[in-house]
Amino acid sequence: MRYPTSGQVIHRMGWRVYSEATLTGEVARVGSDLRGPRVIGSAVHAAEFIVSSARLGELYECSALLRRTRIRAEEIVDEARALLTEAEIQGDHERIVIRAAQLDEARQAYCKVLNAYVTICRRINEERQEIMQTLTGLSGAT
């Protein structure tokens, strides 16, 4: 049984994941919007936006690390599955038990990484929505 990738899970759940380039471009665009003449909001609003943007950047860095970890965890599950198959083909019952336990452990670790990745992606989306709401509030103040 092949576990779904995080992209499949995120797509199935209706979440949208943004690339670093998209997020960076959006933050840069919003940052220049804040400096533009149409924003008359207080310095507090600008500071809140900067903090939110920084949090979003940190969350994105975490998601990138978890994405790489998820890919490696998936590779480990595949390796464990291959070793179990090899033991089954050779009929080595002792190795089958050991490799089955290792495969189960690898799957559990993969699930933990996948859950963490999905949680971070969800938090990124929430932060992004908060930033957009802040911007909507700021542009509505003009």
N, C-alpha and C. Protein backbone atom coordinates (compact mmCIF):
# COMPACT_ATOMS: atom_id res chain seq x y z
N MET A 1 0.84 -1.19 0.00
CA MET A 1 0.00 0.00 0.00
C MET A 1 0.88 1.24 0.00
N ARG A 2 0.63 2.14 -0.90
CA ARG A 2 1.42 3.38 -1.01
C ARG A 2 0.66 4.50 -0.31
N TYR A 3 1.36 5.18 0.58
CA TYR A 3 0.75 6.30 1.28
C TYR A 3 0.69 7.51 0.36
N PRO A 4 -0.35 8.33 0.50
CA PRO A 4 -0.43 9.51 -0.37
C PRO A 4 0.66 10.50 -0.02
N THR A 5 1.06 11.28 -1.01
CA THR A 5 2.04 12.32 -0.75
C THR A 5 1.33 13.48 -0.06
N SER A 6 2.09 14.38 0.52
CA SER A 6 1.49 15.52 1.20
C SER A 6 0.70 16.36 0.21
N GLY A 7 1.21 16.47 -1.03
CA GLY A 7 0.49 17.24 -2.05
C GLY A 7 -0.88 16.64 -2.33
N GLN A 8 -0.95 15.30 -2.37
CA GLN A 8 -2.24 14.64 -2.59
C GLN A 8 -3.18 14.89 -1.43
N VAL A 9 -2.66 14.79 -0.21
CA VAL A 9 -3.48 15.02 0.97
C VAL A 9 -3.96 16.47 0.99
N ILE A 10 -3.06 17.39 0.74
CA ILE A 10 -3.42 18.81 0.77
C ILE A 10 -4.43 19.10 -0.33
N HIS A 11 -4.23 18.53 -1.53
CA HIS A 11 -5.17 18.75 -2.61
C HIS A 11 -6.55 18.17 -2.24
N ARG A 12 -6.57 16.97 -1.69
CA ARG A 12 -7.81 16.31 -1.32
C ARG A 12 -8.55 17.10 -0.25
N MET A 13 -7.81 17.75 0.64
CA MET A 13 -8.44 18.51 1.72
C MET A 13 -8.84 19.91 1.25
N GLY A 14 -8.50 20.27 0.03
CA GLY A 14 -8.88 21.57 -0.50
C GLY A 14 -7.95 22.69 -0.06
N TRP A 15 -6.79 22.35 0.46
CA TRP A 15 -5.84 23.38 0.88
C TRP A 15 -5.00 23.78 -0.31
N ARG A 16 -4.49 24.98 -0.26
CA ARG A 16 -3.63 25.47 -1.32
C ARG A 16 -2.26 25.75 -0.73
N VAL A 17 -1.24 25.21 -1.35
CA VAL A 17 0.12 25.42 -0.88
C VAL A 17 0.80 26.35 -1.87
N TYR A 18 1.49 27.33 -1.36
CA TYR A 18 2.13 28.32 -2.19
C TYR A 18 3.63 28.10 -2.22
N SER A 19 4.21 28.34 -3.37
CA SER A 19 5.65 28.20 -3.49
C SER A 19 6.33 29.38 -2.81
N GLU A 20 7.61 29.20 -2.56
CA GLU A 20 8.39 30.26 -1.93
C GLU A 20 8.38 31.51 -2.81
N ALA A 21 8.48 31.33 -4.12
CA ALA A 21 8.49 32.47 -5.03
C ALA A 21 7.17 33.23 -4.96
N THR A 22 6.06 32.50 -4.90
CA THR A 22 4.76 33.15 -4.80
C THR A 22 4.65 33.93 -3.51
N LEU A 23 5.04 33.29 -2.40
CA LEU A 23 4.95 33.97 -1.11
C LEU A 23 5.88 35.17 -1.05
N THR A 24 7.09 35.01 -1.53
CA THR A 24 8.05 36.11 -1.52
C THR A 24 7.53 37.27 -2.36
N GLY A 25 7.02 36.95 -3.54
CA GLY A 25 6.48 37.99 -4.41
C GLY A 25 5.29 38.69 -3.79
N GLU A 26 4.44 37.90 -3.14
CA GLU A 26 3.25 38.49 -2.52
C GLU A 26 3.64 39.39 -1.35
N VAL A 27 4.58 38.93 -0.53
CA VAL A 27 5.03 39.75 0.60
C VAL A 27 5.68 41.03 0.09
N ALA A 28 6.49 40.92 -0.97
CA ALA A 28 7.14 42.11 -1.54
C ALA A 28 6.10 43.08 -2.09
N ARG A 29 5.09 42.53 -2.78
CA ARG A 29 4.04 43.38 -3.34
C ARG A 29 3.29 44.08 -2.23
N VAL A 30 2.94 43.33 -1.20
CA VAL A 30 2.20 43.90 -0.08
C VAL A 30 3.07 44.92 0.65
N GLY A 31 4.35 44.62 0.80
CA GLY A 31 5.26 45.55 1.45
C GLY A 31 5.33 46.86 0.70
N SER A 32 5.39 46.80 -0.64
CA SER A 32 5.43 48.06 -1.39
C SER A 32 4.08 48.75 -1.34
N ASP A 33 2.99 47.99 -1.22
CA ASP A 33 1.67 48.61 -1.05
C ASP A 33 1.63 49.41 0.24
N LEU A 34 2.26 48.89 1.28
CA LEU A 34 2.25 49.61 2.56
C LEU A 34 2.99 50.94 2.45
N ARG A 35 4.03 50.99 1.62
CA ARG A 35 4.81 52.22 1.49
C ARG A 35 4.16 53.20 0.52
N GLY A 36 3.16 52.71 -0.20
CA GLY A 36 2.50 53.56 -1.20
C GLY A 36 1.67 54.65 -0.57
N PRO A 37 1.31 55.65 -1.36
CA PRO A 37 0.58 56.80 -0.84
C PRO A 37 -0.86 56.51 -0.43
N ARG A 38 -1.44 55.40 -0.88
CA ARG A 38 -2.85 55.14 -0.58
C ARG A 38 -3.08 54.63 0.83
N VAL A 39 -2.03 54.23 1.55
CA VAL A 39 -2.18 53.70 2.89
C VAL A 39 -1.93 54.81 3.90
N ILE A 40 -2.96 55.12 4.68
CA ILE A 40 -2.83 56.17 5.68
C ILE A 40 -2.85 55.56 7.08
N GLY A 41 -2.88 54.23 7.18
CA GLY A 41 -2.99 53.55 8.46
C GLY A 41 -1.86 53.90 9.41
N SER A 42 -2.05 53.52 10.65
CA SER A 42 -1.06 53.84 11.68
C SER A 42 0.18 52.96 11.56
N ALA A 43 1.22 53.37 12.24
CA ALA A 43 2.47 52.60 12.27
C ALA A 43 2.24 51.25 12.93
N VAL A 44 1.27 51.18 13.82
CA VAL A 44 0.96 49.92 14.50
C VAL A 44 0.49 48.88 13.49
N HIS A 45 -0.38 49.30 12.58
CA HIS A 45 -0.85 48.37 11.55
C HIS A 45 0.30 47.89 10.68
N ALA A 46 1.17 48.80 10.31
CA ALA A 46 2.32 48.42 9.49
C ALA A 46 3.21 47.45 10.25
N ALA A 47 3.42 47.70 11.54
CA ALA A 47 4.25 46.81 12.36
C ALA A 47 3.60 45.44 12.49
N GLU A 48 2.28 45.41 12.66
CA GLU A 48 1.57 44.12 12.75
C GLU A 48 1.75 43.34 11.45
N PHE A 49 1.67 44.04 10.34
CA PHE A 49 1.84 43.38 9.06
C PHE A 49 3.25 42.82 8.92
N ILE A 50 4.24 43.59 9.32
CA ILE A 50 5.63 43.13 9.22
C ILE A 50 5.85 41.89 10.08
N VAL A 51 5.29 41.90 11.28
CA VAL A 51 5.41 40.73 12.17
C VAL A 51 4.72 39.52 11.54
N SER A 52 3.52 39.73 11.00
CA SER A 52 2.81 38.62 10.36
C SER A 52 3.59 38.09 9.16
N SER A 53 4.16 38.98 8.39
CA SER A 53 4.95 38.57 7.23
C SER A 53 6.17 37.77 7.66
N ALA A 54 6.81 38.20 8.74
CA ALA A 54 7.98 37.48 9.25
C ALA A 54 7.57 36.08 9.72
N ARG A 55 6.43 36.00 10.43
CA ARG A 55 5.93 34.69 10.87
C ARG A 55 5.64 33.81 9.68
N LEU A 56 5.05 34.38 8.65
CA LEU A 56 4.76 33.61 7.45
C LEU A 56 6.05 33.09 6.82
N GLY A 57 7.06 33.93 6.77
CA GLY A 57 8.35 33.49 6.23
C GLY A 57 8.96 32.36 7.04
N GLU A 58 8.89 32.47 8.36
CA GLU A 58 9.42 31.41 9.23
C GLU A 58 8.64 30.11 9.04
N LEU A 59 7.33 30.22 8.93
CA LEU A 59 6.51 29.03 8.71
C LEU A 59 6.86 28.38 7.37
N TYR A 60 7.09 29.22 6.37
CA TYR A 60 7.44 28.67 5.07
C TYR A 60 8.78 27.94 5.13
N GLU A 61 9.75 28.49 5.87
CA GLU A 61 11.04 27.81 6.03
C GLU A 61 10.85 26.46 6.72
N CYS A 62 9.98 26.42 7.72
CA CYS A 62 9.69 25.15 8.40
C CYS A 62 9.06 24.15 7.43
N SER A 63 8.14 24.64 6.59
CA SER A 63 7.48 23.74 5.64
C SER A 63 8.49 23.19 4.63
N ALA A 64 9.44 24.02 4.21
CA ALA A 64 10.46 23.55 3.28
C ALA A 64 11.30 22.44 3.91
N LEU A 65 11.67 22.63 5.16
CA LEU A 65 12.44 21.61 5.88
C LEU A 65 11.61 20.33 6.04
N LEU A 66 10.36 20.49 6.42
CA LEU A 66 9.49 19.31 6.57
C LEU A 66 9.23 18.62 5.24
N ARG A 67 9.16 19.39 4.15
CA ARG A 67 8.97 18.79 2.83
C ARG A 67 10.16 17.90 2.50
N ARG A 68 11.38 18.41 2.74
CA ARG A 68 12.57 17.59 2.48
C ARG A 68 12.59 16.36 3.40
N THR A 69 12.19 16.55 4.65
CA THR A 69 12.16 15.43 5.60
C THR A 69 11.11 14.41 5.17
N ARG A 70 9.96 14.89 4.68
CA ARG A 70 8.91 14.00 4.22
C ARG A 70 9.39 13.17 3.04
N ILE A 71 10.10 13.80 2.13
CA ILE A 71 10.61 13.08 0.96
C ILE A 71 11.59 12.00 1.40
N ARG A 72 12.47 12.34 2.35
CA ARG A 72 13.43 11.33 2.85
C ARG A 72 12.71 10.22 3.60
N ALA A 73 11.69 10.57 4.40
CA ALA A 73 10.94 9.55 5.13
C ALA A 73 10.23 8.61 4.15
N GLU A 74 9.73 9.15 3.06
CA GLU A 74 9.08 8.32 2.04
C GLU A 74 10.09 7.36 1.41
N GLU A 75 11.31 7.85 1.16
CA GLU A 75 12.37 7.00 0.62
C GLU A 75 12.70 5.87 1.58
N ILE A 76 12.74 6.18 2.87
CA ILE A 76 13.05 5.16 3.89
C ILE A 76 11.95 4.10 3.91
N VAL A 77 10.70 4.52 3.80
CA VAL A 77 9.59 3.55 3.76
C VAL A 77 9.75 2.64 2.54
N ASP A 78 10.08 3.24 1.40
CA ASP A 78 10.29 2.45 0.18
C ASP A 78 11.44 1.45 0.35
N GLU A 79 12.53 1.90 0.98
CA GLU A 79 13.67 1.02 1.22
C GLU A 79 13.29 -0.12 2.16
N ALA A 80 12.55 0.20 3.20
CA ALA A 80 12.12 -0.83 4.16
C ALA A 80 11.19 -1.84 3.48
N ARG A 81 10.32 -1.34 2.61
CA ARG A 81 9.40 -2.23 1.87
C ARG A 81 10.20 -3.16 0.96
N ALA A 82 11.23 -2.62 0.29
CA ALA A 82 12.05 -3.43 -0.61
C ALA A 82 12.81 -4.50 0.17
N LEU A 83 13.33 -4.14 1.34
CA LEU A 83 14.03 -5.13 2.17
C LEU A 83 13.10 -6.23 2.66
N LEU A 84 11.87 -5.84 3.00
CA LEU A 84 10.87 -6.84 3.43
C LEU A 84 10.55 -7.77 2.26
N THR A 85 10.36 -7.22 1.09
CA THR A 85 10.06 -8.04 -0.09
C THR A 85 11.20 -9.01 -0.37
N GLU A 86 12.42 -8.52 -0.24
CA GLU A 86 13.60 -9.37 -0.45
C GLU A 86 13.61 -10.53 0.55
N ALA A 87 13.32 -10.23 1.81
CA ALA A 87 13.29 -11.28 2.83
C ALA A 87 12.18 -12.29 2.54
N GLU A 88 11.04 -11.79 2.06
CA GLU A 88 9.92 -12.69 1.75
C GLU A 88 10.27 -13.60 0.57
N ILE A 89 10.92 -13.05 -0.42
CA ILE A 89 11.33 -13.85 -1.59
C ILE A 89 12.31 -14.94 -1.17
N GLN A 90 13.22 -14.60 -0.26
CA GLN A 90 14.21 -15.57 0.21
C GLN A 90 13.61 -16.53 1.23
N GLY A 91 12.44 -16.24 1.75
CA GLY A 91 11.78 -17.12 2.71
C GLY A 91 12.44 -17.13 4.08
N ASP A 92 13.16 -16.09 4.43
CA ASP A 92 13.85 -15.98 5.72
C ASP A 92 12.87 -15.40 6.75
N HIS A 93 12.25 -16.28 7.52
CA HIS A 93 11.19 -15.88 8.46
C HIS A 93 11.68 -14.91 9.53
N GLU A 94 12.89 -15.12 10.00
CA GLU A 94 13.43 -14.21 11.03
C GLU A 94 13.60 -12.79 10.45
N ARG A 95 14.18 -12.72 9.26
CA ARG A 95 14.34 -11.40 8.62
C ARG A 95 12.99 -10.80 8.25
N ILE A 96 12.01 -11.62 7.89
CA ILE A 96 10.68 -11.11 7.55
C ILE A 96 10.08 -10.38 8.75
N VAL A 97 10.19 -10.99 9.92
CA VAL A 97 9.65 -10.38 11.14
C VAL A 97 10.37 -9.06 11.43
N ILE A 98 11.69 -9.08 11.35
CA ILE A 98 12.49 -7.87 11.61
C ILE A 98 12.16 -6.78 10.60
N ARG A 99 12.14 -7.14 9.31
CA ARG A 99 11.88 -6.14 8.25
C ARG A 99 10.45 -5.61 8.31
N ALA A 100 9.50 -6.46 8.70
CA ALA A 100 8.11 -6.00 8.84
C ALA A 100 8.01 -4.98 9.96
N ALA A 101 8.72 -5.22 11.06
CA ALA A 101 8.72 -4.27 12.17
C ALA A 101 9.38 -2.95 11.74
N GLN A 102 10.46 -3.07 10.98
CA GLN A 102 11.14 -1.86 10.50
C GLN A 102 10.25 -1.07 9.53
N LEU A 103 9.53 -1.77 8.69
CA LEU A 103 8.62 -1.10 7.76
C LEU A 103 7.51 -0.39 8.53
N ASP A 104 6.98 -1.05 9.54
CA ASP A 104 5.93 -0.43 10.35
C ASP A 104 6.46 0.83 11.05
N GLU A 105 7.66 0.74 11.59
CA GLU A 105 8.27 1.89 12.25
C GLU A 105 8.51 3.04 11.26
N ALA A 106 8.97 2.70 10.07
CA ALA A 106 9.21 3.71 9.04
C ALA A 106 7.89 4.37 8.62
N ARG A 107 6.83 3.59 8.50
CA ARG A 107 5.52 4.15 8.14
C ARG A 107 5.01 5.09 9.23
N GLN A 108 5.19 4.71 10.48
CA GLN A 108 4.74 5.56 11.59
C GLN A 108 5.51 6.88 11.59
N ALA A 109 6.81 6.82 11.36
CA ALA A 109 7.62 8.04 11.31
C ALA A 109 7.19 8.91 10.13
N TYR A 110 6.91 8.28 8.99
CA TYR A 110 6.45 9.02 7.82
C TYR A 110 5.13 9.73 8.12
N CYS A 111 4.22 9.05 8.78
CA CYS A 111 2.93 9.65 9.12
C CYS A 111 3.11 10.86 10.04
N LYS A 112 4.03 10.77 10.99
CA LYS A 112 4.29 11.91 11.88
C LYS A 112 4.81 13.11 11.09
N VAL A 113 5.74 12.85 10.18
CA VAL A 113 6.29 13.94 9.37
C VAL A 113 5.21 14.52 8.47
N LEU A 114 4.41 13.66 7.87
CA LEU A 114 3.34 14.13 6.99
C LEU A 114 2.32 14.97 7.77
N ASN A 115 1.96 14.53 8.96
CA ASN A 115 1.02 15.30 9.79
C ASN A 115 1.61 16.66 10.16
N ALA A 116 2.88 16.70 10.50
CA ALA A 116 3.53 17.97 10.83
C ALA A 116 3.55 18.88 9.61
N TYR A 117 3.83 18.33 8.45
CA TYR A 117 3.88 19.11 7.22
C TYR A 117 2.51 19.70 6.90
N VAL A 118 1.48 18.89 7.02
CA VAL A 118 0.12 19.37 6.74
C VAL A 118 -0.27 20.44 7.75
N THR A 119 0.12 20.28 9.00
CA THR A 119 -0.18 21.28 10.03
C THR A 119 0.50 22.60 9.71
N ILE A 120 1.76 22.55 9.30
CA ILE A 120 2.49 23.77 8.94
C ILE A 120 1.83 24.43 7.72
N CYS A 121 1.45 23.64 6.73
CA CYS A 121 0.79 24.20 5.55
C CYS A 121 -0.53 24.87 5.93
N ARG A 122 -1.26 24.27 6.83
CA ARG A 122 -2.51 24.86 7.31
C ARG A 122 -2.23 26.19 8.01
N ARG A 123 -1.18 26.21 8.83
CA ARG A 123 -0.83 27.44 9.56
C ARG A 123 -0.38 28.54 8.59
N ILE A 124 0.34 28.16 7.54
CA ILE A 124 0.75 29.13 6.53
C ILE A 124 -0.49 29.76 5.90
N ASN A 125 -1.46 28.93 5.58
CA ASN A 125 -2.69 29.44 4.98
C ASN A 125 -3.41 30.39 5.94
N GLU A 126 -3.46 30.04 7.22
CA GLU A 126 -4.10 30.91 8.21
C GLU A 126 -3.37 32.25 8.33
N GLU A 127 -2.05 32.21 8.37
CA GLU A 127 -1.25 33.44 8.45
C GLU A 127 -1.50 34.30 7.21
N ARG A 128 -1.52 33.65 6.07
CA ARG A 128 -1.76 34.37 4.83
C ARG A 128 -3.12 35.06 4.85
N GLN A 129 -4.13 34.35 5.33
CA GLN A 129 -5.47 34.94 5.42
C GLN A 129 -5.48 36.12 6.39
N GLU A 130 -4.78 35.99 7.51
CA GLU A 130 -4.69 37.09 8.47
C GLU A 130 -4.04 38.31 7.83
N ILE A 131 -2.98 38.08 7.07
CA ILE A 131 -2.30 39.19 6.40
C ILE A 131 -3.26 39.86 5.41
N MET A 132 -3.96 39.05 4.64
CA MET A 132 -4.89 39.61 3.66
C MET A 132 -6.01 40.39 4.35
N GLN A 133 -6.49 39.90 5.49
CA GLN A 133 -7.51 40.62 6.24
C GLN A 133 -6.96 41.94 6.76
N THR A 134 -5.72 41.92 7.23
CA THR A 134 -5.07 43.14 7.70
C THR A 134 -4.96 44.16 6.56
N LEU A 135 -4.54 43.66 5.39
CA LEU A 135 -4.41 44.54 4.23
C LEU A 135 -5.77 45.09 3.81
N THR A 136 -6.78 44.25 3.86
CA THR A 136 -8.12 44.72 3.51
C THR A 136 -8.56 45.80 4.47
N GLY A 137 -8.26 45.61 5.76
CA GLY A 137 -8.58 46.62 6.76
C GLY A 137 -7.81 47.91 6.55
N LEU A 138 -6.54 47.78 6.18
CA LEU A 138 -5.71 48.97 5.93
C LEU A 138 -6.17 49.72 4.70
N SER A 139 -6.47 48.99 3.62
CA SER A 139 -6.89 49.67 2.40
C SER A 139 -8.28 50.25 2.56
N GLY A 140 -9.08 49.66 3.45
CA GLY A 140 -10.41 50.20 3.72
C GLY A 140 -10.36 51.47 4.54
N ALA A 141 -9.21 51.74 5.17
CA ALA A 141 -9.08 52.93 6.02
C ALA A 141 -8.82 54.19 5.19
N THR A 142 -8.51 54.01 3.90
CA THR A 142 -8.20 55.18 3.07
C THR A 142 -9.43 55.83 2.52
